Amino acid sequence: MDFITILFIGIGLAMDASAVSLAKGMSLDKDQVKKYAFILALTFGFFQALMPAIGYFTGSHFAEYIQSIDHWIAFILLSLIGINMIHEGKEEKEDEVKIHSIPFKNILLLAIATSIDALAVGVSFAFLKVNLFLAITTIGITTFILSFVCVLFGKKLGSLFEKYAEYLGGIILILLGIKILIEHLFF
């Protein structure tokens, strides 16, 4: 498998993480955006690279099991985090000074939820005799770059829709979970 093919696989795998990064960027405080852009991008990139490596080494039996439930895990995690964001948006008062932060456990849950599909990709890499180091490096770097840019772009969008940013971010996460569920159940 050539580099260009691996790059396109990396871009495809990074789309979920990018959508989450966009949603989270919308709700971040201006002073926190660069810090969390880096943290989210690094965590998402790491997990997107780690999961294919795990899949590569664990074999097809484990991947078949995960493949049958990965969409449910992603749907539940993304929906719960999205509902939490909407709930937090309701609690905010106009007079309060907001300091937005993202708890690290939420970042980890998001990273896992958006990278589970990469596990099955890793199994296919083993069968296709893909250069694993090249693949996971490309996937990790691609996810890092796209996630970082999407957090920054999300902040720009969030400035336009500041009052509704938490709601919109939560809705995006829930819709992303529904999209993953529908794709796996019906297509």
Protein backbone atom coordinates (compact mmCIF):
# COMPACT_ATOMS: atom_id res chain seq x y z
CA MET A 1 0.00 0.00 0.00
CA ASP A 2 1.51 3.34 -1.04
CA PHE A 3 1.82 6.53 1.00
CA ILE A 4 -1.00 8.36 -0.82
CA THR A 5 -3.46 5.54 -0.06
CA ILE A 6 -2.39 5.54 3.59
CA LEU A 7 -2.76 9.33 3.69
CA PHE A 8 -6.34 9.11 2.40
CA ILE A 9 -7.09 6.41 4.98
CA GLY A 10 -5.66 8.75 7.62
CA ILE A 11 -7.85 11.61 6.44
CA GLY A 12 -10.92 9.37 6.48
CA LEU A 13 -10.15 8.13 9.98
CA ALA A 14 -9.53 11.71 11.16
CA MET A 15 -12.95 12.99 10.11
CA ASP A 16 -14.72 11.99 13.32
CA ALA A 17 -11.96 13.52 15.46
CA SER A 18 -12.05 16.64 13.30
CA ALA A 19 -15.80 17.03 13.74
CA VAL A 20 -15.44 16.67 17.51
CA SER A 21 -12.56 19.17 17.48
CA LEU A 22 -14.71 21.64 15.58
CA ALA A 23 -17.53 21.22 18.09
CA LYS A 24 -15.23 21.61 21.10
CA GLY A 25 -13.49 24.60 19.56
CA MET A 26 -16.83 26.38 19.31
CA SER A 27 -17.28 26.35 23.08
CA LEU A 28 -13.76 27.23 24.22
CA ASP A 29 -12.82 30.51 25.84
CA LYS A 30 -10.54 32.67 23.67
CA ASP A 31 -7.66 32.30 26.13
CA GLN A 32 -7.94 28.50 26.16
CA VAL A 33 -8.29 27.75 22.46
CA LYS A 34 -4.61 27.26 21.53
CA LYS A 35 -3.91 25.17 24.62
CA TYR A 36 -6.86 22.87 24.01
CA ALA A 37 -6.27 22.78 20.26
CA PHE A 38 -2.88 21.26 21.01
CA ILE A 39 -4.16 18.91 23.74
CA LEU A 40 -7.11 17.66 21.65
CA ALA A 41 -5.01 17.28 18.52
CA LEU A 42 -2.26 15.42 20.36
CA THR A 43 -4.68 13.08 22.14
CA PHE A 44 -6.76 12.40 19.01
CA GLY A 45 -3.63 11.88 16.90
CA PHE A 46 -2.18 9.50 19.48
CA PHE A 47 -5.32 7.36 19.71
CA GLN A 48 -5.85 7.32 15.94
CA ALA A 49 -2.29 5.99 15.61
CA LEU A 50 -2.54 3.61 18.57
CA MET A 51 -5.74 1.83 17.53
CA PRO A 52 -4.47 0.56 14.15
CA ALA A 53 -1.33 -0.70 15.90
CA ILE A 54 -3.47 -2.58 18.42
CA GLY A 55 -5.64 -3.93 15.62
CA TYR A 56 -2.58 -4.98 13.65
CA PHE A 57 -1.29 -7.08 16.54
CA THR A 58 -4.52 -8.50 17.96
CA GLY A 59 -5.83 -10.13 14.82
CA SER A 60 -9.15 -10.49 13.11
CA HIS A 61 -11.04 -12.36 15.87
CA PHE A 62 -10.94 -9.40 18.26
CA ALA A 63 -11.69 -6.94 15.45
CA GLU A 64 -14.79 -8.87 14.43
CA TYR A 65 -16.07 -8.57 17.99
CA ILE A 66 -15.29 -4.85 18.21
CA GLN A 67 -16.67 -4.24 14.72
CA SER A 68 -20.03 -5.58 15.82
CA ILE A 69 -20.30 -3.08 18.69
CA ASP A 70 -17.92 -0.20 17.83
CA HIS A 71 -20.75 1.93 16.47
CA TRP A 72 -22.74 1.49 19.70
CA ILE A 73 -19.75 2.45 21.85
CA ALA A 74 -19.06 5.55 19.75
CA PHE A 75 -22.76 6.49 19.70
CA ILE A 76 -23.15 6.18 23.47
CA LEU A 77 -19.94 8.04 24.34
CA LEU A 78 -20.53 10.89 21.87
CA SER A 79 -24.19 11.22 22.88
CA LEU A 80 -23.40 11.33 26.60
CA ILE A 81 -20.73 13.97 26.11
CA GLY A 82 -23.03 15.94 23.77
CA ILE A 83 -25.88 15.84 26.29
CA ASN A 84 -23.46 17.00 28.98
CA MET A 85 -22.40 19.96 26.79
CA ILE A 86 -26.03 20.96 26.23
CA HIS A 87 -26.70 20.66 29.96
CA GLU A 88 -23.67 22.85 30.73
CA GLY A 89 -24.93 25.42 28.20
CA LYS A 90 -28.23 25.64 30.08
CA GLU A 91 -26.44 26.25 33.38
CA GLU A 92 -24.40 29.23 32.14
CA LYS A 93 -25.60 32.64 33.15
CA GLU A 94 -25.11 35.78 31.10
CA ASP A 95 -23.44 37.59 34.03
CA GLU A 96 -20.95 34.84 34.81
CA VAL A 97 -17.37 34.99 33.66
CA LYS A 98 -16.88 31.76 31.76
CA ILE A 99 -13.66 29.83 31.90
CA HIS A 100 -14.03 26.95 29.51
CA SER A 101 -11.98 23.88 30.06
CA ILE A 102 -12.35 20.31 28.96
CA PRO A 103 -11.82 17.66 31.62
CA PHE A 104 -9.11 15.23 30.57
CA LYS A 105 -11.42 12.24 31.09
CA ASN A 106 -13.76 13.76 28.47
CA ILE A 107 -10.85 14.21 26.08
CA LEU A 108 -9.89 10.55 26.55
CA LEU A 109 -13.47 9.36 26.04
CA LEU A 110 -13.76 11.44 22.87
CA ALA A 111 -10.43 10.14 21.58
CA ILE A 112 -11.46 6.54 22.19
CA ALA A 113 -14.94 7.03 20.72
CA THR A 114 -13.59 8.57 17.53
CA SER A 115 -10.79 6.04 17.04
CA ILE A 116 -12.47 2.67 17.58
CA ASP A 117 -13.01 2.21 13.85
CA ALA A 118 -9.24 2.51 13.39
CA LEU A 119 -8.87 -0.79 15.25
CA ALA A 120 -10.46 -2.71 12.38
CA VAL A 121 -8.33 -0.78 9.89
CA GLY A 122 -5.26 -2.02 11.76
CA VAL A 123 -6.38 -5.63 11.31
CA SER A 124 -6.73 -5.08 7.57
CA PHE A 125 -3.21 -3.59 7.57
CA ALA A 126 -1.88 -6.91 8.91
CA PHE A 127 -3.53 -8.85 6.08
CA LEU A 128 -2.36 -6.37 3.46
CA LYS A 129 1.21 -6.36 4.80
CA VAL A 130 1.24 -2.58 5.20
CA ASN A 131 4.31 -0.86 6.62
CA LEU A 132 2.84 -0.35 10.11
CA PHE A 133 5.24 2.40 11.18
CA LEU A 134 4.49 4.47 8.06
CA ALA A 135 0.74 3.90 8.45
CA ILE A 136 0.41 4.82 12.12
CA THR A 137 2.75 7.80 11.78
CA THR A 138 0.78 9.13 8.80
CA ILE A 139 -2.57 8.55 10.51
CA GLY A 140 -1.41 10.16 13.75
CA ILE A 141 0.09 13.25 12.10
CA THR A 142 -2.88 13.69 9.77
CA THR A 143 -5.32 13.49 12.68
CA PHE A 144 -3.19 15.90 14.74
CA ILE A 145 -3.11 18.53 11.98
CA LEU A 146 -6.80 18.27 11.06
CA SER A 147 -7.94 18.30 14.70
CA PHE A 148 -5.75 21.30 15.55
CA VAL A 149 -7.06 23.29 12.60
CA CYS A 150 -10.66 22.31 13.35
CA VAL A 151 -10.43 23.52 16.97
CA LEU A 152 -9.19 26.90 15.72
CA PHE A 153 -11.86 27.04 13.03
CA GLY A 154 -14.47 25.97 15.57
CA LYS A 155 -13.49 28.90 17.77
CA LYS A 156 -14.09 31.27 14.85
CA LEU A 157 -17.54 29.74 14.32
CA GLY A 158 -18.16 29.81 18.08
CA SER A 159 -17.50 33.54 18.15
CA LEU A 160 -20.29 34.01 15.64
CA PHE A 161 -22.70 31.83 17.61
CA GLU A 162 -21.29 32.47 21.11
CA LYS A 163 -24.59 32.30 22.96
CA TYR A 164 -25.42 28.94 21.42
CA ALA A 165 -21.92 27.42 21.12
CA GLU A 166 -22.37 24.81 23.90
CA TYR A 167 -25.75 23.77 22.46
CA LEU A 168 -24.43 23.59 18.93
CA GLY A 169 -21.31 21.68 20.00
CA GLY A 170 -23.41 19.19 21.95
CA ILE A 171 -25.81 18.74 19.05
CA ILE A 172 -22.89 18.15 16.65
CA LEU A 173 -21.52 15.41 18.92
CA ILE A 174 -24.91 13.73 19.23
CA LEU A 175 -25.47 13.92 15.45
CA LEU A 176 -22.00 12.48 14.87
CA GLY A 177 -22.87 9.57 17.16
CA ILE A 178 -26.15 9.02 15.29
CA LYS A 179 -24.33 9.17 11.94
CA ILE A 180 -21.84 6.52 13.06
CA LEU A 181 -24.67 4.32 14.32
CA ILE A 182 -26.72 4.64 11.12
CA GLU A 183 -23.70 3.98 8.87
CA HIS A 184 -22.91 0.77 10.70
CA LEU A 185 -26.47 -0.48 11.06
CA PHE A 186 -27.77 0.28 7.56
CA PHE A 187 -24.83 0.61 5.16
